[in-house]
Protein backbone atom coordinates (compact mmCIF):
# COMPACT_ATOMS: atom_id res chain seq x y z
CA MET A 1 50.70 16.09 -20.27
CA VAL A 2 53.48 15.60 -17.76
CA ASP A 3 53.03 15.16 -14.02
CA GLY A 4 55.80 17.50 -12.91
CA TYR A 5 56.48 16.23 -9.42
CA ASN A 6 56.47 12.58 -10.60
CA VAL A 7 59.25 13.40 -13.06
CA LEU A 8 61.10 15.67 -10.64
CA TYR A 9 61.31 12.98 -7.94
CA ALA A 10 62.23 10.27 -10.48
CA ASP A 11 65.46 12.13 -11.28
CA GLU A 12 68.15 11.76 -8.61
CA GLY A 13 69.75 15.15 -9.32
CA LEU A 14 66.44 16.99 -9.22
CA LYS A 15 65.42 15.10 -6.08
CA ARG A 16 68.62 16.25 -4.32
CA LEU A 17 68.06 19.81 -5.53
CA ALA A 18 64.44 19.69 -4.30
CA ALA A 19 65.68 18.80 -0.81
CA GLU A 20 67.51 22.15 -0.82
CA SER A 21 65.04 24.21 -2.87
CA LEU A 22 61.87 22.88 -4.44
CA GLU A 23 61.54 26.06 -6.49
CA ASP A 24 65.03 25.62 -7.98
CA ALA A 25 64.27 21.97 -8.79
CA ARG A 26 61.02 22.94 -10.55
CA GLU A 27 62.83 25.62 -12.55
CA LYS A 28 65.52 23.12 -13.58
CA LEU A 29 62.85 20.63 -14.67
CA VAL A 30 61.07 23.33 -16.69
CA GLU A 31 64.38 24.16 -18.38
CA MET A 32 65.09 20.48 -19.15
CA ILE A 33 61.64 19.89 -20.61
CA TYR A 34 61.75 23.13 -22.59
CA GLN A 35 65.01 22.02 -24.22
CA TYR A 36 63.29 18.74 -25.08
CA VAL A 37 60.31 20.61 -26.57
CA GLU A 38 62.64 22.78 -28.65
CA ALA A 39 64.49 19.73 -29.98
CA THR A 40 61.38 17.68 -30.77
CA ASP A 41 58.62 20.21 -31.58
CA TYR A 42 56.29 18.39 -29.15
CA ARG A 43 53.67 20.32 -27.19
CA ILE A 44 53.87 19.71 -23.46
CA GLU A 45 51.67 20.68 -20.54
CA LEU A 46 53.84 20.37 -17.43
CA VAL A 47 51.47 20.06 -14.47
CA PHE A 48 52.37 20.62 -10.82
CA ASP A 49 50.12 20.08 -7.81
CA GLY A 50 49.04 23.36 -6.32
CA SER A 51 48.09 21.82 -2.98
CA SER A 52 50.43 24.04 -0.99
CA ARG A 53 49.21 27.28 -2.52
CA SER A 54 45.96 29.21 -2.50
CA GLY A 55 44.30 30.99 -5.34
CA PRO A 56 43.30 30.13 -8.89
CA ARG A 57 45.06 27.77 -11.26
CA LEU A 58 48.20 29.30 -12.74
CA ARG A 59 49.18 28.80 -16.38
CA GLU A 60 52.35 30.09 -17.91
CA LYS A 61 53.13 29.69 -21.57
CA ILE A 62 56.81 28.98 -22.22
CA GLY A 63 57.62 29.47 -25.88
CA GLU A 64 55.44 27.94 -28.55
CA GLY A 65 55.16 24.38 -27.32
CA MET A 66 55.04 24.40 -23.56
CA GLU A 67 52.74 25.41 -20.76
CA VAL A 68 53.48 25.14 -17.06
CA ILE A 69 50.37 24.68 -14.96
CA PHE A 70 49.95 24.84 -11.19
CA THR A 71 46.61 23.37 -10.18
CA THR A 72 44.37 24.91 -7.54
CA SER A 73 44.77 23.78 -3.95
CA ASP A 74 41.73 21.53 -4.25
CA GLN A 75 42.90 19.75 -7.43
CA SER A 76 45.88 17.43 -7.77
CA ALA A 77 47.98 17.13 -10.90
CA ASP A 78 46.47 13.65 -11.33
CA GLU A 79 42.95 15.09 -11.28
CA TYR A 80 43.90 17.80 -13.76
CA ILE A 81 45.51 15.28 -16.12
CA GLU A 82 42.48 13.01 -15.80
CA SER A 83 40.07 15.84 -16.68
CA ARG A 84 42.26 16.86 -19.66
CA ALA A 85 42.28 13.26 -20.87
CA PHE A 86 38.48 13.36 -20.98
CA GLN A 87 38.53 16.70 -22.85
CA LEU A 88 40.87 15.66 -25.63
CA SER A 89 39.32 15.37 -29.04
CA PRO A 90 39.13 11.99 -30.73
CA ALA A 91 41.78 13.22 -33.19
CA ALA A 92 44.30 13.42 -30.32
CA LYS A 93 43.77 9.80 -29.37
CA GLY A 94 46.86 7.77 -30.14
CA GLU A 95 48.98 10.92 -30.33
CA ALA A 96 48.66 12.50 -26.90
CA VAL A 97 50.88 11.10 -24.17
CA VAL A 98 50.35 11.13 -20.42
CA VAL A 99 53.61 11.08 -18.47
CA THR A 100 53.24 9.85 -14.91
CA SER A 101 54.52 7.13 -12.64
CA ASP A 102 51.06 6.72 -11.15
CA TYR A 103 49.79 3.32 -12.30
CA LEU A 104 46.10 4.28 -12.11
CA GLN A 105 46.69 7.39 -14.24
CA GLN A 106 48.59 5.31 -16.80
CA ARG A 107 45.66 2.85 -16.97
CA LEU A 108 43.19 5.73 -17.35
CA ALA A 109 45.25 7.19 -20.20
CA LEU A 110 45.35 3.86 -22.01
CA GLY A 111 41.61 3.43 -21.46
CA LYS A 112 41.01 6.81 -23.10
CA GLY A 113 43.09 5.84 -26.12
CA LEU A 114 46.07 7.94 -25.11
CA MET A 115 49.64 6.76 -24.94
CA ARG A 116 51.44 6.64 -21.62
CA MET A 117 55.01 7.02 -20.53
CA SER A 118 56.53 6.65 -17.09
CA SER A 119 58.62 9.38 -15.49
CA ARG A 120 61.74 7.24 -15.93
CA GLU A 121 60.96 6.76 -19.62
CA ILE A 122 60.66 10.48 -20.34
CA LEU A 123 63.89 11.18 -18.45
CA GLU A 124 65.63 8.55 -20.59
CA GLU A 125 64.05 9.97 -23.76
CA MET A 126 65.15 13.50 -22.83
CA ALA A 127 68.73 12.29 -22.18
CA GLU A 128 68.78 10.45 -25.52
CA GLN A 129 67.43 13.52 -27.34
CA LYS A 130 70.05 15.71 -25.70
CA GLU A 131 72.78 13.31 -26.84
CA ARG A 132 71.36 13.20 -30.41
CA THR A 133 71.41 16.99 -30.51
CA ARG A 134 74.96 17.11 -29.16
CA THR A 135 76.11 14.52 -31.73
CA ARG A 136 74.40 16.38 -34.57
CA LEU A 137 76.07 19.65 -33.58
CA LYS A 138 79.48 17.97 -33.31
CA SER A 139 79.09 16.40 -36.73
CA LYS A 140 78.50 19.75 -38.41
CA ARG A 141 81.72 21.33 -39.44
CA PHE A 142 81.87 24.93 -38.51
CA PHE A 143 84.18 26.67 -40.90
CA ARG A 144 84.51 30.07 -42.42
CA VAL A 145 83.03 30.47 -45.87
CA SER A 146 84.17 33.40 -47.93
CA VAL A 147 81.68 35.68 -49.64
CA ARG A 148 83.06 34.50 -53.01
CA GLU A 149 82.11 30.91 -52.22
CA ARG A 150 78.52 31.91 -51.49
CA VAL A 151 77.94 34.21 -54.47
CA PRO A 152 76.85 32.63 -57.78
CA ASP A 153 79.33 32.92 -60.66
CA GLU A 154 77.06 35.11 -62.77
CA VAL A 155 76.84 37.65 -59.95
CA VAL A 156 80.64 37.69 -59.63
CA VAL A 157 80.98 38.34 -63.39
CA ALA A 158 78.40 41.14 -63.22
CA LEU A 159 80.19 42.74 -60.28
CA LYS A 160 83.54 42.58 -62.10
CA ARG A 161 81.99 44.30 -65.13
CA LEU A 162 80.52 46.98 -62.89
CA ARG A 163 83.89 47.54 -61.17
CA GLU A 164 85.64 47.86 -64.56
CA ARG A 165 83.20 50.57 -65.62
CA LEU A 166 83.89 52.67 -62.53
């Protein structure tokens, strides 16, 4: 569970973008976290305060491992994360991570047997993961492989025999 605005305002680039357009900054954060999810196979609930909006809680599933949640106007992201921490099954303890820069929420997560990570830590982890992915892609040699190199020898022999009969 990730407190979206905590992470957004912990990143200087996103903070500058938010000064111009909060919506664009949120979209950029969603994109960054989705790339992280794709690279790691983690499941992430990205939670934003819905205090400036009216209506019910909004949930949007992004791919297989990510949900973006806007809380209701009467519930903060902290309150949502706290209630989810209480709902988690005992099997999730020690595996689920709460990402927030809010000290009290971090203490609550630890008290519930969950791991915690600050907003700075997840930004660093995402940057490291992005670099690992980039390095892995650079290390793979992209070269053209002929059909002959991919076909087993016995298939080549059988095809030659077939061609000779025609």
